[in-house]
PDB file of all heavy atoms in Angstrom:
ATOM      1  N   PHE A   1      30.737 147.307 105.345  1.00  0.00           N
ATOM      2  CA  PHE A   1      29.889 146.156 105.701  1.00  0.00           C
ATOM      3  C   PHE A   1      28.506 146.261 105.047  1.00  0.00           C
ATOM      4  O   PHE A   1      28.025 147.343 104.752  1.00  0.00           O
ATOM      5  CB  PHE A   1      29.683 146.063 107.217  1.00  0.00           C
ATOM      6  CG  PHE A   1      30.944 145.792 107.985  1.00  0.00           C
ATOM      7  CD1 PHE A   1      31.485 146.756 108.811  1.00  0.00           C
ATOM      8  CD2 PHE A   1      31.591 144.586 107.877  1.00  0.00           C
ATOM      9  CE1 PHE A   1      32.626 146.513 109.529  1.00  0.00           C
ATOM     10  CE2 PHE A   1      32.741 144.332 108.587  1.00  0.00           C
ATOM     11  CZ  PHE A   1      33.266 145.307 109.415  1.00  0.00           C
ATOM     12  N   THR A   2      27.895 145.082 104.860  1.00  0.00           N
ATOM     13  CA  THR A   2      26.471 145.018 104.510  1.00  0.00           C
ATOM     14  C   THR A   2      25.798 144.154 105.564  1.00  0.00           C
ATOM     15  O   THR A   2      26.435 143.343 106.231  1.00  0.00           O
ATOM     16  CB  THR A   2      26.248 144.382 103.124  1.00  0.00           C
ATOM     17  OG1 THR A   2      26.793 143.079 103.117  1.00  0.00           O
ATOM     18  CG2 THR A   2      26.849 145.235 102.014  1.00  0.00           C
ATOM     19  N   TYR A   3      24.495 144.350 105.727  1.00  0.00           N
ATOM     20  CA  TYR A   3      23.761 143.570 106.719  1.00  0.00           C
ATOM     21  C   TYR A   3      22.338 143.332 106.251  1.00  0.00           C
ATOM     22  O   TYR A   3      21.820 144.023 105.384  1.00  0.00           O
ATOM     23  CB  TYR A   3      23.785 144.240 108.097  1.00  0.00           C
ATOM     24  CG  TYR A   3      22.902 145.460 108.222  1.00  0.00           C
ATOM     25  CD1 TYR A   3      21.695 145.399 108.919  1.00  0.00           C
ATOM     26  CD2 TYR A   3      23.257 146.670 107.654  1.00  0.00           C
ATOM     27  CE1 TYR A   3      20.877 146.499 109.037  1.00  0.00           C
ATOM     28  CE2 TYR A   3      22.449 147.787 107.778  1.00  0.00           C
ATOM     29  CZ  TYR A   3      21.273 147.691 108.472  1.00  0.00           C
ATOM     30  OH  TYR A   3      20.449 148.778 108.591  1.00  0.00           O
ATOM     31  N   ASP A   4      21.708 142.340 106.819  1.00  0.00           N
ATOM     32  CA  ASP A   4      20.329 141.975 106.534  1.00  0.00           C
ATOM     33  C   ASP A   4      19.456 142.589 107.647  1.00  0.00           C
ATOM     34  O   ASP A   4      19.540 142.181 108.796  1.00  0.00           O
ATOM     35  CB  ASP A   4      20.202 140.454 106.546  1.00  0.00           C
ATOM     36  CG  ASP A   4      18.804 139.991 106.249  1.00  0.00           C
ATOM     37  OD1 ASP A   4      17.862 140.807 106.309  1.00  0.00           O
ATOM     38  OD2 ASP A   4      18.635 138.804 105.957  1.00  0.00           O
ATOM     39  N   PRO A   5      18.637 143.590 107.330  1.00  0.00           N
ATOM     40  CA  PRO A   5      17.889 144.305 108.364  1.00  0.00           C
ATOM     41  C   PRO A   5      16.867 143.451 109.102  1.00  0.00           C
ATOM     42  O   PRO A   5      16.423 143.825 110.179  1.00  0.00           O
ATOM     43  CB  PRO A   5      17.209 145.442 107.607  1.00  0.00           C
ATOM     44  CG  PRO A   5      17.101 144.956 106.206  1.00  0.00           C
ATOM     45  CD  PRO A   5      18.313 144.085 105.993  1.00  0.00           C
ATOM     46  N   CYS A   6      16.496 142.298 108.553  1.00  0.00           N
ATOM     47  CA  CYS A   6      15.524 141.459 109.245  1.00  0.00           C
ATOM     48  C   CYS A   6      16.178 140.538 110.266  1.00  0.00           C
ATOM     49  O   CYS A   6      15.510 140.027 111.142  1.00  0.00           O
ATOM     50  CB  CYS A   6      14.715 140.650 108.239  1.00  0.00           C
ATOM     51  SG  CYS A   6      13.592 141.708 107.327  1.00  0.00           S
ATOM     52  N   PHE A   7      17.477 140.316 110.139  1.00  0.00           N
ATOM     53  CA  PHE A   7      18.146 139.384 111.046  1.00  0.00           C
ATOM     54  C   PHE A   7      19.360 139.976 111.750  1.00  0.00           C
ATOM     55  O   PHE A   7      19.936 139.341 112.617  1.00  0.00           O
ATOM     56  CB  PHE A   7      18.579 138.124 110.276  1.00  0.00           C
ATOM     57  CG  PHE A   7      17.417 137.429 109.612  1.00  0.00           C
ATOM     58  CD1 PHE A   7      17.223 137.528 108.257  1.00  0.00           C
ATOM     59  CD2 PHE A   7      16.501 136.714 110.365  1.00  0.00           C
ATOM     60  CE1 PHE A   7      16.156 136.898 107.643  1.00  0.00           C
ATOM     61  CE2 PHE A   7      15.429 136.090 109.747  1.00  0.00           C
ATOM     62  CZ  PHE A   7      15.259 136.197 108.393  1.00  0.00           C
ATOM     63  N   GLN A   8      19.759 141.195 111.364  1.00  0.00           N
ATOM     64  CA  GLN A   8      20.953 141.786 111.940  1.00  0.00           C
ATOM     65  C   GLN A   8      20.727 143.271 112.227  1.00  0.00           C
ATOM     66  O   GLN A   8      19.814 143.884 111.694  1.00  0.00           O
ATOM     67  CB  GLN A   8      22.143 141.638 110.975  1.00  0.00           C
ATOM     68  CG  GLN A   8      22.525 140.219 110.685  1.00  0.00           C
ATOM     69  CD  GLN A   8      23.571 140.112 109.593  1.00  0.00           C
ATOM     70  OE1 GLN A   8      23.519 140.817 108.599  1.00  0.00           O
ATOM     71  NE2 GLN A   8      24.538 139.230 109.797  1.00  0.00           N
ATOM     72  N   HIS A   9      21.590 143.814 113.077  1.00  0.00           N
ATOM     73  CA  HIS A   9      21.624 145.258 113.356  1.00  0.00           C
ATOM     74  C   HIS A   9      22.951 145.813 112.892  1.00  0.00           C
ATOM     75  O   HIS A   9      23.987 145.151 112.992  1.00  0.00           O
ATOM     76  CB  HIS A   9      21.505 145.535 114.863  1.00  0.00           C
ATOM     77  CG  HIS A   9      20.207 145.207 115.477  1.00  0.00           C
ATOM     78  ND1 HIS A   9      19.027 145.802 115.103  1.00  0.00           N
ATOM     79  CD2 HIS A   9      19.883 144.343 116.467  1.00  0.00           C
ATOM     80  CE1 HIS A   9      18.039 145.316 115.839  1.00  0.00           C
ATOM     81  NE2 HIS A   9      18.539 144.423 116.677  1.00  0.00           N
ATOM     82  N   CYS A  10      22.931 147.049 112.419  1.00  0.00           N
ATOM     83  CA  CYS A  10      24.147 147.768 112.121  1.00  0.00           C
ATOM     84  C   CYS A  10      24.386 148.702 113.301  1.00  0.00           C
ATOM     85  O   CYS A  10      23.579 149.565 113.605  1.00  0.00           O
ATOM     86  CB  CYS A  10      23.979 148.594 110.833  1.00  0.00           C
ATOM     87  SG  CYS A  10      25.411 149.630 110.465  1.00  0.00           S
ATOM     88  N   CYS A  11      25.495 148.501 114.002  1.00  0.00           N
ATOM     89  CA  CYS A  11      25.781 149.248 115.223  1.00  0.00           C
ATOM     90  C   CYS A  11      26.983 150.159 115.022  1.00  0.00           C
ATOM     91  O   CYS A  11      28.125 149.680 114.942  1.00  0.00           O
ATOM     92  CB  CYS A  11      26.066 148.284 116.371  1.00  0.00           C
ATOM     93  SG  CYS A  11      24.792 147.042 116.646  1.00  0.00           S
ATOM     94  N   PRO A  12      26.767 151.466 114.948  1.00  0.00           N
ATOM     95  CA  PRO A  12      27.908 152.378 114.873  1.00  0.00           C
ATOM     96  C   PRO A  12      28.571 152.437 116.236  1.00  0.00           C
ATOM     97  O   PRO A  12      27.920 152.555 117.272  1.00  0.00           O
ATOM     98  CB  PRO A  12      27.302 153.710 114.480  1.00  0.00           C
ATOM     99  CG  PRO A  12      25.863 153.609 114.824  1.00  0.00           C
ATOM    100  CD  PRO A  12      25.500 152.151 114.846  1.00  0.00           C
ATOM    101  N   ASP A  13      29.886 152.311 116.280  1.00  0.00           N
ATOM    102  CA  ASP A  13      30.656 152.388 117.523  1.00  0.00           C
ATOM    103  C   ASP A  13      31.347 153.750 117.530  1.00  0.00           C
ATOM    104  O   ASP A  13      32.428 153.912 116.958  1.00  0.00           O
ATOM    105  CB  ASP A  13      31.659 151.246 117.576  1.00  0.00           C
ATOM    106  CG  ASP A  13      32.354 151.162 118.915  1.00  0.00           C
ATOM    107  OD1 ASP A  13      32.250 152.110 119.726  1.00  0.00           O
ATOM    108  OD2 ASP A  13      33.016 150.145 119.168  1.00  0.00           O
ATOM    109  N   SER A  14      30.724 154.727 118.177  1.00  0.00           N
ATOM    110  CA  SER A  14      31.246 156.087 118.138  1.00  0.00           C
ATOM    111  C   SER A  14      32.573 156.214 118.881  1.00  0.00           C
ATOM    112  O   SER A  14      33.372 157.089 118.600  1.00  0.00           O
ATOM    113  CB  SER A  14      30.230 157.058 118.722  1.00  0.00           C
ATOM    114  OG  SER A  14      29.897 156.686 120.041  1.00  0.00           O
ATOM    115  N   TYR A  15      32.839 155.338 119.865  1.00  0.00           N
ATOM    116  CA  TYR A  15      34.091 155.402 120.617  1.00  0.00           C
ATOM    117  C   TYR A  15      35.273 155.017 119.757  1.00  0.00           C
ATOM    118  O   TYR A  15      36.332 155.601 119.839  1.00  0.00           O
ATOM    119  CB  TYR A  15      34.033 154.502 121.854  1.00  0.00           C
ATOM    120  CG  TYR A  15      32.941 154.890 122.822  1.00  0.00           C
ATOM    121  CD1 TYR A  15      31.871 154.039 123.056  1.00  0.00           C
ATOM    122  CD2 TYR A  15      32.994 156.095 123.493  1.00  0.00           C
ATOM    123  CE1 TYR A  15      30.861 154.392 123.939  1.00  0.00           C
ATOM    124  CE2 TYR A  15      31.996 156.486 124.378  1.00  0.00           C
ATOM    125  CZ  TYR A  15      30.938 155.617 124.600  1.00  0.00           C
ATOM    126  OH  TYR A  15      29.937 155.964 125.464  1.00  0.00           O
ATOM    127  N   ARG A  16      35.110 153.984 118.953  1.00  0.00           N
ATOM    128  CA  ARG A  16      36.208 153.493 118.105  1.00  0.00           C
ATOM    129  C   ARG A  16      36.123 154.008 116.670  1.00  0.00           C
ATOM    130  O   ARG A  16      37.001 153.753 115.878  1.00  0.00           O
ATOM    131  CB  ARG A  16      36.187 151.963 118.111  1.00  0.00           C
ATOM    132  CG  ARG A  16      36.411 151.383 119.477  1.00  0.00           C
ATOM    133  CD  ARG A  16      36.400 149.868 119.415  1.00  0.00           C
ATOM    134  NE  ARG A  16      36.354 149.328 120.759  1.00  0.00           N
ATOM    135  CZ  ARG A  16      35.687 148.272 121.115  1.00  0.00           C
ATOM    136  NH1 ARG A  16      34.998 147.600 120.220  1.00  0.00           N
ATOM    137  NH2 ARG A  16      35.684 147.842 122.350  1.00  0.00           N
ATOM    138  N   GLY A  17      35.012 154.651 116.314  1.00  0.00           N
ATOM    139  CA  GLY A  17      34.833 155.147 114.949  1.00  0.00           C
ATOM    140  C   GLY A  17      34.646 154.021 113.942  1.00  0.00           C
ATOM    141  O   GLY A  17      35.058 154.145 112.799  1.00  0.00           O
ATOM    142  N   LYS A  18      34.068 152.896 114.380  1.00  0.00           N
ATOM    143  CA  LYS A  18      33.845 151.741 113.514  1.00  0.00           C
ATOM    144  C   LYS A  18      32.376 151.355 113.508  1.00  0.00           C
ATOM    145  O   LYS A  18      31.599 151.859 114.295  1.00  0.00           O
ATOM    146  CB  LYS A  18      34.686 150.561 114.003  1.00  0.00           C
ATOM    147  CG  LYS A  18      36.169 150.775 113.953  1.00  0.00           C
ATOM    148  CD  LYS A  18      36.886 149.540 114.425  1.00  0.00           C
ATOM    149  CE  LYS A  18      38.400 149.733 114.367  1.00  0.00           C
ATOM    150  NZ  LYS A  18      39.090 148.548 114.797  1.00  0.00           N
ATOM    151  N   TYR A  19      32.058 150.419 112.648  1.00  0.00           N
ATOM    152  CA  TYR A  19      30.718 149.853 112.587  1.00  0.00           C
ATOM    153  C   TYR A  19      30.810 148.369 112.898  1.00  0.00           C
ATOM    154  O   TYR A  19      31.767 147.703 112.515  1.00  0.00           O
ATOM    155  CB  TYR A  19      30.085 150.058 111.202  1.00  0.00           C
ATOM    156  CG  TYR A  19      29.740 151.496 110.925  1.00  0.00           C
ATOM    157  CD1 TYR A  19      30.680 152.354 110.409  1.00  0.00           C
ATOM    158  CD2 TYR A  19      28.462 151.963 111.176  1.00  0.00           C
ATOM    159  CE1 TYR A  19      30.350 153.679 110.146  1.00  0.00           C
ATOM    160  CE2 TYR A  19      28.121 153.273 110.922  1.00  0.00           C
ATOM    161  CZ  TYR A  19      29.080 154.134 110.408  1.00  0.00           C
ATOM    162  OH  TYR A  19      28.755 155.427 110.173  1.00  0.00           O
ATOM    163  N   ILE A  20      29.775 147.850 113.567  1.00  0.00           N
ATOM    164  CA  ILE A  20      29.716 146.431 113.890  1.00  0.00           C
ATOM    165  C   ILE A  20      28.359 145.923 113.385  1.00  0.00           C
ATOM    166  O   ILE A  20      27.350 146.574 113.550  1.00  0.00           O
ATOM    167  CB  ILE A  20      29.785 146.229 115.423  1.00  0.00           C
ATOM    168  CG1 ILE A  20      31.010 146.869 116.030  1.00  0.00           C
ATOM    169  CG2 ILE A  20      29.753 144.749 115.764  1.00  0.00           C
ATOM    170  CD1 ILE A  20      30.963 146.936 117.533  1.00  0.00           C
ATOM    171  N   VAL A  21      28.365 144.730 112.788  1.00  0.00           N
ATOM    172  CA  VAL A  21      27.119 144.068 112.385  1.00  0.00           C
ATOM    173  C   VAL A  21      26.895 142.913 113.368  1.00  0.00           C
ATOM    174  O   VAL A  21      27.756 142.069 113.547  1.00  0.00           O
ATOM    175  CB  VAL A  21      27.198 143.543 110.949  1.00  0.00           C
ATOM    176  CG1 VAL A  21      25.958 142.752 110.594  1.00  0.00           C
ATOM    177  CG2 VAL A  21      27.384 144.704 109.988  1.00  0.00           C
ATOM    178  N   VAL A  22      25.737 142.930 114.048  1.00  0.00           N
ATOM    179  CA  VAL A  22      25.448 141.879 115.020  1.00  0.00           C
ATOM    180  C   VAL A  22      24.114 141.206 114.666  1.00  0.00           C
ATOM    181  O   VAL A  22      23.223 141.836 114.104  1.00  0.00           O
ATOM    182  CB  VAL A  22      25.385 142.415 116.481  1.00  0.00           C
ATOM    183  CG1 VAL A  22      26.716 142.955 116.900  1.00  0.00           C
ATOM    184  CG2 VAL A  22      24.300 143.464 116.644  1.00  0.00           C
ATOM    185  N   ASN A  23      24.006 139.947 115.024  1.00  0.00           N
ATOM    186  CA  ASN A  23      22.738 139.224 114.824  1.00  0.00           C
ATOM    187  C   ASN A  23      21.737 139.662 115.869  1.00  0.00           C
ATOM    188  O   ASN A  23      22.095 139.931 117.024  1.00  0.00           O
ATOM    189  CB  ASN A  23      22.959 137.714 114.925  1.00  0.00           C
ATOM    190  CG  ASN A  23      23.744 137.182 113.756  1.00  0.00           C
ATOM    191  OD1 ASN A  23      23.721 137.746 112.675  1.00  0.00           O
ATOM    192  ND2 ASN A  23      24.483 136.113 113.969  1.00  0.00           N
ATOM    193  N   LYS A  24      20.483 139.742 115.479  1.00  0.00           N
ATOM    194  CA  LYS A  24      19.429 140.099 116.415  1.00  0.00           C
ATOM    195  C   LYS A  24      19.179 138.939 117.372  1.00  0.00           C
ATOM    196  O   LYS A  24      19.202 137.783 116.997  1.00  0.00           O
ATOM    197  CB  LYS A  24      18.124 140.405 115.661  1.00  0.00           C
ATOM    198  CG  LYS A  24      18.189 141.652 114.836  1.00  0.00           C
ATOM    199  CD  LYS A  24      16.867 141.914 114.172  1.00  0.00           C
ATOM    200  CE  LYS A  24      16.927 143.197 113.379  1.00  0.00           C
ATOM    201  NZ  LYS A  24      15.648 143.499 112.724  1.00  0.00           N
ATOM    202  N   THR A  25      18.916 139.282 118.616  1.00  0.00           N
ATOM    203  CA  THR A  25      18.508 138.276 119.582  1.00  0.00           C
ATOM    204  C   THR A  25      16.990 138.270 119.628  1.00  0.00           C
ATOM    205  O   THR A  25      16.346 139.242 119.234  1.00  0.00           O
ATOM    206  CB  THR A  25      19.077 138.567 120.975  1.00  0.00           C
ATOM    207  OG1 THR A  25      18.640 139.857 121.404  1.00  0.00           O
ATOM    208  CG2 THR A  25      20.597 138.514 120.967  1.00  0.00           C
ATOM    209  N   ARG A  26      16.425 137.199 120.120  1.00  0.00           N
ATOM    210  CA  ARG A  26      14.953 137.084 120.104  1.00  0.00           C
ATOM    211  C   ARG A  26      14.261 138.178 120.889  1.00  0.00           C
ATOM    212  O   ARG A  26      13.336 138.783 120.435  1.00  0.00           O
ATOM    213  CB  ARG A  26      14.538 135.728 120.650  1.00  0.00           C
ATOM    214  CG  ARG A  26      14.785 134.648 119.646  1.00  0.00           C
ATOM    215  CD  ARG A  26      14.173 133.370 120.100  1.00  0.00           C
ATOM    216  NE  ARG A  26      14.339 132.407 119.029  1.00  0.00           N
ATOM    217  CZ  ARG A  26      13.530 131.447 118.799  1.00  0.00           C
ATOM    218  NH1 ARG A  26      12.512 131.234 119.575  1.00  0.00           N
ATOM    219  NH2 ARG A  26      13.747 130.625 117.811  1.00  0.00           N
ATOM    220  N   GLY A  27      14.726 138.416 122.111  1.00  0.00           N
ATOM    221  CA  GLY A  27      14.042 139.412 122.941  1.00  0.00           C
ATOM    222  C   GLY A  27      14.702 140.768 122.939  1.00  0.00           C
ATOM    223  O   GLY A  27      14.207 141.705 123.536  1.00  0.00           O
ATOM    224  N   GLY A  28      15.845 140.866 122.275  1.00  0.00           N
ATOM    225  CA  GLY A  28      16.611 142.092 122.331  1.00  0.00           C
ATOM    226  C   GLY A  28      16.123 143.159 121.408  1.00  0.00           C
ATOM    227  O   GLY A  28      15.397 142.930 120.448  1.00  0.00           O
TER     228      GLY A  28
END
């Protein structure tokens, strides 16, 4: 995966051994 660091997060999922790219929330 690739992601935009200003609008997304790269989330490693250690339980499943995968990576997830999610959009940033305003307050998150």
